Amino acid sequence: GVDQPVSIRESRVSKLDGTEKFLFAL
């Protein structure tokens, strides 16, 4: 089987408010 089925492919952090946007890889 599979343990962790998702990983972070790309991450962007907003300079305005610290919000972080993830592009997850399956």
mmCIF file of all heavy atoms, coordinates in Angstrom:
data_MODEL
# 
_entry.id   MODEL 
# 
loop_
_atom_site.group_PDB 
_atom_site.id 
_atom_site.type_symbol 
_atom_site.label_atom_id 
_atom_site.label_alt_id 
_atom_site.label_comp_id 
_atom_site.label_asym_id 
_atom_site.label_entity_id 
_atom_site.label_seq_id 
_atom_site.pdbx_PDB_ins_code 
_atom_site.Cartn_x 
_atom_site.Cartn_y 
_atom_site.Cartn_z 
_atom_site.occupancy 
_atom_site.B_iso_or_equiv 
_atom_site.pdbx_formal_charge 
_atom_site.auth_seq_id 
_atom_site.auth_comp_id 
_atom_site.auth_asym_id 
_atom_site.auth_atom_id 
_atom_site.pdbx_PDB_model_num 
ATOM 1   N N   . GLY A 1 1  ? 0.781  -1.225 0.000   1.00 0.00 ? 1  GLY A N   1 
ATOM 2   C CA  . GLY A 1 1  ? 0.000  0.000  0.000   1.00 0.00 ? 1  GLY A CA  1 
ATOM 3   C C   . GLY A 1 1  ? 0.812  1.274  0.000   1.00 0.00 ? 1  GLY A C   1 
ATOM 4   O O   . GLY A 1 1  ? 2.028  1.282  -0.172  1.00 0.00 ? 1  GLY A O   1 
ATOM 5   N N   . VAL A 1 2  ? 0.101  2.366  0.208   1.00 0.00 ? 2  VAL A N   1 
ATOM 6   C CA  . VAL A 1 2  ? 0.634  3.727  0.132   1.00 0.00 ? 2  VAL A CA  1 
ATOM 7   C C   . VAL A 1 2  ? 0.505  4.377  1.500   1.00 0.00 ? 2  VAL A C   1 
ATOM 8   O O   . VAL A 1 2  ? -0.523 4.223  2.176   1.00 0.00 ? 2  VAL A O   1 
ATOM 9   C CB  . VAL A 1 2  ? -0.164 4.547  -0.902  1.00 0.00 ? 2  VAL A CB  1 
ATOM 10  C CG1 . VAL A 1 2  ? 0.346  5.972  -0.975  1.00 0.00 ? 2  VAL A CG1 1 
ATOM 11  C CG2 . VAL A 1 2  ? -0.106 3.878  -2.263  1.00 0.00 ? 2  VAL A CG2 1 
ATOM 12  N N   . ASP A 1 3  ? 1.541  5.106  1.931   1.00 0.00 ? 3  ASP A N   1 
ATOM 13  C CA  . ASP A 1 3  ? 1.446  5.813  3.200   1.00 0.00 ? 3  ASP A CA  1 
ATOM 14  C C   . ASP A 1 3  ? 0.909  7.236  3.002   1.00 0.00 ? 3  ASP A C   1 
ATOM 15  O O   . ASP A 1 3  ? -0.191 7.559  3.427   1.00 0.00 ? 3  ASP A O   1 
ATOM 16  C CB  . ASP A 1 3  ? 2.792  5.818  3.936   1.00 0.00 ? 3  ASP A CB  1 
ATOM 17  C CG  . ASP A 1 3  ? 3.987  6.123  3.038   1.00 0.00 ? 3  ASP A CG  1 
ATOM 18  O OD1 . ASP A 1 3  ? 3.796  6.727  1.968   1.00 0.00 ? 3  ASP A OD1 1 
ATOM 19  O OD2 . ASP A 1 3  ? 5.116  5.745  3.408   1.00 0.00 ? 3  ASP A OD2 1 
ATOM 20  N N   . GLN A 1 4  ? 1.667  8.093  2.338   1.00 0.00 ? 4  GLN A N   1 
ATOM 21  C CA  . GLN A 1 4  ? 1.257  9.481  2.134   1.00 0.00 ? 4  GLN A CA  1 
ATOM 22  C C   . GLN A 1 4  ? 1.005  9.700  0.637   1.00 0.00 ? 4  GLN A C   1 
ATOM 23  O O   . GLN A 1 4  ? 1.934  9.774  -0.154  1.00 0.00 ? 4  GLN A O   1 
ATOM 24  C CB  . GLN A 1 4  ? 2.338  10.436 2.653   1.00 0.00 ? 4  GLN A CB  1 
ATOM 25  C CG  . GLN A 1 4  ? 2.672  10.268 4.127   1.00 0.00 ? 4  GLN A CG  1 
ATOM 26  C CD  . GLN A 1 4  ? 1.494  10.578 5.032   1.00 0.00 ? 4  GLN A CD  1 
ATOM 27  O OE1 . GLN A 1 4  ? 0.727  11.504 4.767   1.00 0.00 ? 4  GLN A OE1 1 
ATOM 28  N NE2 . GLN A 1 4  ? 1.337  9.808  6.098   1.00 0.00 ? 4  GLN A NE2 1 
ATOM 29  N N   . PRO A 1 5  ? -0.272 9.800  0.223   1.00 0.00 ? 5  PRO A N   1 
ATOM 30  C CA  . PRO A 1 5  ? -0.606 9.819  -1.204  1.00 0.00 ? 5  PRO A CA  1 
ATOM 31  C C   . PRO A 1 5  ? -0.468 11.176 -1.889  1.00 0.00 ? 5  PRO A C   1 
ATOM 32  O O   . PRO A 1 5  ? -0.720 11.288 -3.087  1.00 0.00 ? 5  PRO A O   1 
ATOM 33  C CB  . PRO A 1 5  ? -2.069 9.369  -1.216  1.00 0.00 ? 5  PRO A CB  1 
ATOM 34  C CG  . PRO A 1 5  ? -2.604 9.869  0.085   1.00 0.00 ? 5  PRO A CG  1 
ATOM 35  C CD  . PRO A 1 5  ? -1.470 9.755  1.072   1.00 0.00 ? 5  PRO A CD  1 
ATOM 36  N N   . VAL A 1 6  ? -0.091 12.201 -1.131  1.00 0.00 ? 6  VAL A N   1 
ATOM 37  C CA  . VAL A 1 6  ? -0.020 13.560 -1.683  1.00 0.00 ? 6  VAL A CA  1 
ATOM 38  C C   . VAL A 1 6  ? 1.318  14.185 -1.310  1.00 0.00 ? 6  VAL A C   1 
ATOM 39  O O   . VAL A 1 6  ? 1.815  13.985 -0.201  1.00 0.00 ? 6  VAL A O   1 
ATOM 40  C CB  . VAL A 1 6  ? -1.173 14.439 -1.127  1.00 0.00 ? 6  VAL A CB  1 
ATOM 41  C CG1 . VAL A 1 6  ? -1.091 15.862 -1.656  1.00 0.00 ? 6  VAL A CG1 1 
ATOM 42  C CG2 . VAL A 1 6  ? -2.528 13.829 -1.484  1.00 0.00 ? 6  VAL A CG2 1 
ATOM 43  N N   . SER A 1 7  ? 1.888  14.942 -2.229  1.00 0.00 ? 7  SER A N   1 
ATOM 44  C CA  . SER A 1 7  ? 3.102  15.707 -1.942  1.00 0.00 ? 7  SER A CA  1 
ATOM 45  C C   . SER A 1 7  ? 2.943  17.115 -2.500  1.00 0.00 ? 7  SER A C   1 
ATOM 46  O O   . SER A 1 7  ? 2.059  17.375 -3.328  1.00 0.00 ? 7  SER A O   1 
ATOM 47  C CB  . SER A 1 7  ? 4.336  15.029 -2.559  1.00 0.00 ? 7  SER A CB  1 
ATOM 48  O OG  . SER A 1 7  ? 4.193  14.929 -3.963  1.00 0.00 ? 7  SER A OG  1 
ATOM 49  N N   . ILE A 1 8  ? 3.785  18.023 -2.035  1.00 0.00 ? 8  ILE A N   1 
ATOM 50  C CA  . ILE A 1 8  ? 3.720  19.401 -2.515  1.00 0.00 ? 8  ILE A CA  1 
ATOM 51  C C   . ILE A 1 8  ? 4.611  19.539 -3.747  1.00 0.00 ? 8  ILE A C   1 
ATOM 52  O O   . ILE A 1 8  ? 5.819  19.329 -3.686  1.00 0.00 ? 8  ILE A O   1 
ATOM 53  C CB  . ILE A 1 8  ? 4.161  20.393 -1.425  1.00 0.00 ? 8  ILE A CB  1 
ATOM 54  C CG1 . ILE A 1 8  ? 3.189  20.326 -0.237  1.00 0.00 ? 8  ILE A CG1 1 
ATOM 55  C CG2 . ILE A 1 8  ? 4.202  21.821 -1.977  1.00 0.00 ? 8  ILE A CG2 1 
ATOM 56  C CD1 . ILE A 1 8  ? 3.608  21.177 0.952   1.00 0.00 ? 8  ILE A CD1 1 
ATOM 57  N N   . ARG A 1 9  ? 3.989  19.880 -4.858  1.00 0.00 ? 9  ARG A N   1 
ATOM 58  C CA  . ARG A 1 9  ? 4.741  20.082 -6.096  1.00 0.00 ? 9  ARG A CA  1 
ATOM 59  C C   . ARG A 1 9  ? 5.282  21.502 -6.180  1.00 0.00 ? 9  ARG A C   1 
ATOM 60  O O   . ARG A 1 9  ? 6.389  21.736 -6.653  1.00 0.00 ? 9  ARG A O   1 
ATOM 61  C CB  . ARG A 1 9  ? 3.825  19.794 -7.287  1.00 0.00 ? 9  ARG A CB  1 
ATOM 62  C CG  . ARG A 1 9  ? 4.406  20.178 -8.639  1.00 0.00 ? 9  ARG A CG  1 
ATOM 63  C CD  . ARG A 1 9  ? 3.506  19.770 -9.769  1.00 0.00 ? 9  ARG A CD  1 
ATOM 64  N NE  . ARG A 1 9  ? 3.885  20.403 -11.018 1.00 0.00 ? 9  ARG A NE  1 
ATOM 65  C CZ  . ARG A 1 9  ? 3.354  20.140 -12.189 1.00 0.00 ? 9  ARG A CZ  1 
ATOM 66  N NH1 . ARG A 1 9  ? 2.410  19.217 -12.280 1.00 0.00 ? 9  ARG A NH1 1 
ATOM 67  N NH2 . ARG A 1 9  ? 3.735  20.776 -13.275 1.00 0.00 ? 9  ARG A NH2 1 
ATOM 68  N N   . GLU A 1 10 ? 4.472  22.451 -5.724  1.00 0.00 ? 10 GLU A N   1 
ATOM 69  C CA  . GLU A 1 10 ? 4.863  23.859 -5.792  1.00 0.00 ? 10 GLU A CA  1 
ATOM 70  C C   . GLU A 1 10 ? 4.182  24.608 -4.664  1.00 0.00 ? 10 GLU A C   1 
ATOM 71  O O   . GLU A 1 10 ? 3.058  24.271 -4.269  1.00 0.00 ? 10 GLU A O   1 
ATOM 72  C CB  . GLU A 1 10 ? 4.440  24.441 -7.149  1.00 0.00 ? 10 GLU A CB  1 
ATOM 73  C CG  . GLU A 1 10 ? 4.887  25.866 -7.407  1.00 0.00 ? 10 GLU A CG  1 
ATOM 74  C CD  . GLU A 1 10 ? 4.500  26.349 -8.802  1.00 0.00 ? 10 GLU A CD  1 
ATOM 75  O OE1 . GLU A 1 10 ? 4.379  25.504 -9.717  1.00 0.00 ? 10 GLU A OE1 1 
ATOM 76  O OE2 . GLU A 1 10 ? 4.316  27.567 -8.963  1.00 0.00 ? 10 GLU A OE2 1 
ATOM 77  N N   . SER A 1 11 ? 4.841  25.612 -4.130  1.00 0.00 ? 11 SER A N   1 
ATOM 78  C CA  . SER A 1 11 ? 4.273  26.415 -3.047  1.00 0.00 ? 11 SER A CA  1 
ATOM 79  C C   . SER A 1 11 ? 4.587  27.883 -3.291  1.00 0.00 ? 11 SER A C   1 
ATOM 80  O O   . SER A 1 11 ? 5.709  28.225 -3.671  1.00 0.00 ? 11 SER A O   1 
ATOM 81  C CB  . SER A 1 11 ? 4.851  25.975 -1.692  1.00 0.00 ? 11 SER A CB  1 
ATOM 82  O OG  . SER A 1 11 ? 4.421  26.831 -0.655  1.00 0.00 ? 11 SER A OG  1 
ATOM 83  N N   . ARG A 1 12 ? 3.588  28.725 -3.104  1.00 0.00 ? 12 ARG A N   1 
ATOM 84  C CA  . ARG A 1 12 ? 3.775  30.166 -3.260  1.00 0.00 ? 12 ARG A CA  1 
ATOM 85  C C   . ARG A 1 12 ? 3.229  30.880 -2.032  1.00 0.00 ? 12 ARG A C   1 
ATOM 86  O O   . ARG A 1 12 ? 2.112  30.593 -1.586  1.00 0.00 ? 12 ARG A O   1 
ATOM 87  C CB  . ARG A 1 12 ? 3.052  30.682 -4.513  1.00 0.00 ? 12 ARG A CB  1 
ATOM 88  C CG  . ARG A 1 12 ? 3.544  30.048 -5.814  1.00 0.00 ? 12 ARG A CG  1 
ATOM 89  C CD  . ARG A 1 12 ? 2.847  30.643 -7.008  1.00 0.00 ? 12 ARG A CD  1 
ATOM 90  N NE  . ARG A 1 12 ? 3.309  30.036 -8.249  1.00 0.00 ? 12 ARG A NE  1 
ATOM 91  C CZ  . ARG A 1 12 ? 2.930  30.419 -9.462  1.00 0.00 ? 12 ARG A CZ  1 
ATOM 92  N NH1 . ARG A 1 12 ? 2.055  31.413 -9.580  1.00 0.00 ? 12 ARG A NH1 1 
ATOM 93  N NH2 . ARG A 1 12 ? 3.393  29.821 -10.536 1.00 0.00 ? 12 ARG A NH2 1 
ATOM 94  N N   . VAL A 1 13 ? 3.993  31.808 -1.494  1.00 0.00 ? 13 VAL A N   1 
ATOM 95  C CA  . VAL A 1 13 ? 3.582  32.534 -0.295  1.00 0.00 ? 13 VAL A CA  1 
ATOM 96  C C   . VAL A 1 13 ? 3.306  33.984 -0.664  1.00 0.00 ? 13 VAL A C   1 
ATOM 97  O O   . VAL A 1 13 ? 4.126  34.648 -1.302  1.00 0.00 ? 13 VAL A O   1 
ATOM 98  C CB  . VAL A 1 13 ? 4.664  32.463 0.805   1.00 0.00 ? 13 VAL A CB  1 
ATOM 99  C CG1 . VAL A 1 13 ? 4.220  33.246 2.035   1.00 0.00 ? 13 VAL A CG1 1 
ATOM 100 C CG2 . VAL A 1 13 ? 4.947  31.016 1.178   1.00 0.00 ? 13 VAL A CG2 1 
ATOM 101 N N   . SER A 1 14 ? 2.142  34.479 -0.266  1.00 0.00 ? 14 SER A N   1 
ATOM 102 C CA  . SER A 1 14 ? 1.760  35.855 -0.556  1.00 0.00 ? 14 SER A CA  1 
ATOM 103 C C   . SER A 1 14 ? 2.609  36.840 0.242   1.00 0.00 ? 14 SER A C   1 
ATOM 104 O O   . SER A 1 14 ? 2.808  36.684 1.446   1.00 0.00 ? 14 SER A O   1 
ATOM 105 C CB  . SER A 1 14 ? 0.282  36.068 -0.217  1.00 0.00 ? 14 SER A CB  1 
ATOM 106 O OG  . SER A 1 14 ? -0.065 37.434 -0.284  1.00 0.00 ? 14 SER A OG  1 
ATOM 107 N N   . LYS A 1 15 ? 3.103  37.839 -0.445  1.00 0.00 ? 15 LYS A N   1 
ATOM 108 C CA  . LYS A 1 15 ? 3.830  38.910 0.232   1.00 0.00 ? 15 LYS A CA  1 
ATOM 109 C C   . LYS A 1 15 ? 2.870  39.875 0.920   1.00 0.00 ? 15 LYS A C   1 
ATOM 110 O O   . LYS A 1 15 ? 3.283  40.683 1.747   1.00 0.00 ? 15 LYS A O   1 
ATOM 111 C CB  . LYS A 1 15 ? 4.679  39.672 -0.783  1.00 0.00 ? 15 LYS A CB  1 
ATOM 112 C CG  . LYS A 1 15 ? 5.799  38.835 -1.411  1.00 0.00 ? 15 LYS A CG  1 
ATOM 113 C CD  . LYS A 1 15 ? 6.568  39.628 -2.452  1.00 0.00 ? 15 LYS A CD  1 
ATOM 114 C CE  . LYS A 1 15 ? 7.657  38.775 -3.087  1.00 0.00 ? 15 LYS A CE  1 
ATOM 115 N NZ  . LYS A 1 15 ? 8.384  39.516 -4.162  1.00 0.00 ? 15 LYS A NZ  1 
ATOM 116 N N   . LEU A 1 16 ? 1.594  39.767 0.590   1.00 0.00 ? 16 LEU A N   1 
ATOM 117 C CA  . LEU A 1 16 ? 0.599  40.682 1.144   1.00 0.00 ? 16 LEU A CA  1 
ATOM 118 C C   . LEU A 1 16 ? 0.115  40.252 2.522   1.00 0.00 ? 16 LEU A C   1 
ATOM 119 O O   . LEU A 1 16 ? -0.029 41.086 3.423   1.00 0.00 ? 16 LEU A O   1 
ATOM 120 C CB  . LEU A 1 16 ? -0.607 40.780 0.201   1.00 0.00 ? 16 LEU A CB  1 
ATOM 121 C CG  . LEU A 1 16 ? -0.315 41.264 -1.230  1.00 0.00 ? 16 LEU A CG  1 
ATOM 122 C CD1 . LEU A 1 16 ? -1.581 41.198 -2.072  1.00 0.00 ? 16 LEU A CD1 1 
ATOM 123 C CD2 . LEU A 1 16 ? 0.234  42.687 -1.201  1.00 0.00 ? 16 LEU A CD2 1 
ATOM 124 N N   . ASP A 1 17 ? -0.138 38.934 2.706   1.00 0.00 ? 17 ASP A N   1 
ATOM 125 C CA  . ASP A 1 17 ? -0.760 38.491 3.955   1.00 0.00 ? 17 ASP A CA  1 
ATOM 126 C C   . ASP A 1 17 ? -0.254 37.145 4.460   1.00 0.00 ? 17 ASP A C   1 
ATOM 127 O O   . ASP A 1 17 ? -0.798 36.606 5.418   1.00 0.00 ? 17 ASP A O   1 
ATOM 128 C CB  . ASP A 1 17 ? -2.289 38.441 3.792   1.00 0.00 ? 17 ASP A CB  1 
ATOM 129 C CG  . ASP A 1 17 ? -2.723 37.641 2.566   1.00 0.00 ? 17 ASP A CG  1 
ATOM 130 O OD1 . ASP A 1 17 ? -2.085 36.613 2.283   1.00 0.00 ? 17 ASP A OD1 1 
ATOM 131 O OD2 . ASP A 1 17 ? -3.678 38.046 1.899   1.00 0.00 ? 17 ASP A OD2 1 
ATOM 132 N N   . GLY A 1 18 ? 0.768  36.570 3.795   1.00 0.00 ? 18 GLY A N   1 
ATOM 133 C CA  . GLY A 1 18 ? 1.319  35.297 4.255   1.00 0.00 ? 18 GLY A CA  1 
ATOM 134 C C   . GLY A 1 18 ? 0.536  34.075 3.848   1.00 0.00 ? 18 GLY A C   1 
ATOM 135 O O   . GLY A 1 18 ? 0.896  32.943 4.204   1.00 0.00 ? 18 GLY A O   1 
ATOM 136 N N   . THR A 1 19 ? -0.547 34.269 3.097   1.00 0.00 ? 19 THR A N   1 
ATOM 137 C CA  . THR A 1 19 ? -1.306 33.125 2.592   1.00 0.00 ? 19 THR A CA  1 
ATOM 138 C C   . THR A 1 19 ? -0.401 32.260 1.716   1.00 0.00 ? 19 THR A C   1 
ATOM 139 O O   . THR A 1 19 ? 0.401  32.770 0.936   1.00 0.00 ? 19 THR A O   1 
ATOM 140 C CB  . THR A 1 19 ? -2.514 33.619 1.768   1.00 0.00 ? 19 THR A CB  1 
ATOM 141 O OG1 . THR A 1 19 ? -3.399 34.324 2.634   1.00 0.00 ? 19 THR A OG1 1 
ATOM 142 C CG2 . THR A 1 19 ? -3.259 32.458 1.125   1.00 0.00 ? 19 THR A CG2 1 
ATOM 143 N N   . GLU A 1 20 ? -0.526 30.932 1.861   1.00 0.00 ? 20 GLU A N   1 
ATOM 144 C CA  . GLU A 1 20 ? 0.320  30.021 1.098   1.00 0.00 ? 20 GLU A CA  1 
ATOM 145 C C   . GLU A 1 20 ? -0.546 29.175 0.174   1.00 0.00 ? 20 GLU A C   1 
ATOM 146 O O   . GLU A 1 20 ? -1.498 28.533 0.601   1.00 0.00 ? 20 GLU A O   1 
ATOM 147 C CB  . GLU A 1 20 ? 1.120  29.125 2.036   1.00 0.00 ? 20 GLU A CB  1 
ATOM 148 C CG  . GLU A 1 20 ? 2.204  28.329 1.347   1.00 0.00 ? 20 GLU A CG  1 
ATOM 149 C CD  . GLU A 1 20 ? 3.235  27.742 2.309   1.00 0.00 ? 20 GLU A CD  1 
ATOM 150 O OE1 . GLU A 1 20 ? 3.056  27.908 3.538   1.00 0.00 ? 20 GLU A OE1 1 
ATOM 151 O OE2 . GLU A 1 20 ? 4.218  27.148 1.841   1.00 0.00 ? 20 GLU A OE2 1 
ATOM 152 N N   . LYS A 1 21 ? -0.218 29.201 -1.115  1.00 0.00 ? 21 LYS A N   1 
ATOM 153 C CA  . LYS A 1 21 ? -0.951 28.424 -2.117  1.00 0.00 ? 21 LYS A CA  1 
ATOM 154 C C   . LYS A 1 21 ? -0.115 27.210 -2.495  1.00 0.00 ? 21 LYS A C   1 
ATOM 155 O O   . LYS A 1 21 ? 1.059  27.317 -2.819  1.00 0.00 ? 21 LYS A O   1 
ATOM 156 C CB  . LYS A 1 21 ? -1.202 29.284 -3.359  1.00 0.00 ? 21 LYS A CB  1 
ATOM 157 C CG  . LYS A 1 21 ? -2.005 28.596 -4.462  1.00 0.00 ? 21 LYS A CG  1 
ATOM 158 C CD  . LYS A 1 21 ? -3.458 28.450 -4.059  1.00 0.00 ? 21 LYS A CD  1 
ATOM 159 C CE  . LYS A 1 21 ? -4.295 27.843 -5.178  1.00 0.00 ? 21 LYS A CE  1 
ATOM 160 N NZ  . LYS A 1 21 ? -4.836 28.829 -6.098  1.00 0.00 ? 21 LYS A NZ  1 
ATOM 161 N N   . PHE A 1 22 ? -0.744 26.033 -2.423  1.00 0.00 ? 22 PHE A N   1 
ATOM 162 C CA  . PHE A 1 22 ? -0.058 24.794 -2.757  1.00 0.00 ? 22 PHE A CA  1 
ATOM 163 C C   . PHE A 1 22 ? -0.576 24.242 -4.072  1.00 0.00 ? 22 PHE A C   1 
ATOM 164 O O   . PHE A 1 22 ? -1.786 24.271 -4.339  1.00 0.00 ? 22 PHE A O   1 
ATOM 165 C CB  . PHE A 1 22 ? -0.293 23.727 -1.677  1.00 0.00 ? 22 PHE A CB  1 
ATOM 166 C CG  . PHE A 1 22 ? 0.144  24.106 -0.304  1.00 0.00 ? 22 PHE A CG  1 
ATOM 167 C CD1 . PHE A 1 22 ? -0.779 24.240 0.714   1.00 0.00 ? 22 PHE A CD1 1 
ATOM 168 C CD2 . PHE A 1 22 ? 1.491  24.318 -0.018  1.00 0.00 ? 22 PHE A CD2 1 
ATOM 169 C CE1 . PHE A 1 22 ? -0.383 24.590 2.000   1.00 0.00 ? 22 PHE A CE1 1 
ATOM 170 C CE2 . PHE A 1 22 ? 1.902  24.663 1.258   1.00 0.00 ? 22 PHE A CE2 1 
ATOM 171 C CZ  . PHE A 1 22 ? 0.963  24.800 2.273   1.00 0.00 ? 22 PHE A CZ  1 
ATOM 172 N N   . LEU A 1 23 ? 0.329  23.724 -4.864  1.00 0.00 ? 23 LEU A N   1 
ATOM 173 C CA  . LEU A 1 23 ? -0.029 22.842 -5.957  1.00 0.00 ? 23 LEU A CA  1 
ATOM 174 C C   . LEU A 1 23 ? 0.416  21.453 -5.506  1.00 0.00 ? 23 LEU A C   1 
ATOM 175 O O   . LEU A 1 23 ? 1.618  21.192 -5.369  1.00 0.00 ? 23 LEU A O   1 
ATOM 176 C CB  . LEU A 1 23 ? 0.671  23.258 -7.251  1.00 0.00 ? 23 LEU A CB  1 
ATOM 177 C CG  . LEU A 1 23 ? 0.187  22.544 -8.514  1.00 0.00 ? 23 LEU A CG  1 
ATOM 178 C CD1 . LEU A 1 23 ? -1.256 22.935 -8.841  1.00 0.00 ? 23 LEU A CD1 1 
ATOM 179 C CD2 . LEU A 1 23 ? 1.087  22.864 -9.701  1.00 0.00 ? 23 LEU A CD2 1 
ATOM 180 N N   . PHE A 1 24 ? -0.561 20.599 -5.217  1.00 0.00 ? 24 PHE A N   1 
ATOM 181 C CA  . PHE A 1 24 ? -0.268 19.263 -4.715  1.00 0.00 ? 24 PHE A CA  1 
ATOM 182 C C   . PHE A 1 24 ? -0.137 18.281 -5.881  1.00 0.00 ? 24 PHE A C   1 
ATOM 183 O O   . PHE A 1 24 ? -0.910 18.329 -6.839  1.00 0.00 ? 24 PHE A O   1 
ATOM 184 C CB  . PHE A 1 24 ? -1.397 18.763 -3.799  1.00 0.00 ? 24 PHE A CB  1 
ATOM 185 C CG  . PHE A 1 24 ? -1.563 19.534 -2.523  1.00 0.00 ? 24 PHE A CG  1 
ATOM 186 C CD1 . PHE A 1 24 ? -2.732 20.228 -2.256  1.00 0.00 ? 24 PHE A CD1 1 
ATOM 187 C CD2 . PHE A 1 24 ? -0.560 19.542 -1.566  1.00 0.00 ? 24 PHE A CD2 1 
ATOM 188 C CE1 . PHE A 1 24 ? -2.906 20.923 -1.068  1.00 0.00 ? 24 PHE A CE1 1 
ATOM 189 C CE2 . PHE A 1 24 ? -0.718 20.227 -0.370  1.00 0.00 ? 24 PHE A CE2 1 
ATOM 190 C CZ  . PHE A 1 24 ? -1.887 20.920 -0.125  1.00 0.00 ? 24 PHE A CZ  1 
ATOM 191 N N   . ALA A 1 25 ? 0.825  17.383 -5.764  1.00 0.00 ? 25 ALA A N   1 
ATOM 192 C CA  . ALA A 1 25 ? 1.000  16.322 -6.755  1.00 0.00 ? 25 ALA A CA  1 
ATOM 193 C C   . ALA A 1 25 ? 0.378  15.032 -6.233  1.00 0.00 ? 25 ALA A C   1 
ATOM 194 O O   . ALA A 1 25 ? 0.572  14.663 -5.067  1.00 0.00 ? 25 ALA A O   1 
ATOM 195 C CB  . ALA A 1 25 ? 2.485  16.110 -7.041  1.00 0.00 ? 25 ALA A CB  1 
ATOM 196 N N   . LEU A 1 26 ? -0.374 14.354 -7.093  1.00 0.00 ? 26 LEU A N   1 
ATOM 197 C CA  . LEU A 1 26 ? -0.955 13.058 -6.766  1.00 0.00 ? 26 LEU A CA  1 
ATOM 198 C C   . LEU A 1 26 ? -0.135 11.952 -7.428  1.00 0.00 ? 26 LEU A C   1 
ATOM 199 O O   . LEU A 1 26 ? 0.625  12.198 -8.360  1.00 0.00 ? 26 LEU A O   1 
ATOM 200 C CB  . LEU A 1 26 ? -2.412 12.999 -7.237  1.00 0.00 ? 26 LEU A CB  1 
ATOM 201 C CG  . LEU A 1 26 ? -3.319 14.134 -6.740  1.00 0.00 ? 26 LEU A CG  1 
ATOM 202 C CD1 . LEU A 1 26 ? -4.719 13.986 -7.313  1.00 0.00 ? 26 LEU A CD1 1 
ATOM 203 C CD2 . LEU A 1 26 ? -3.374 14.172 -5.219  1.00 0.00 ? 26 LEU A CD2 1 
# 
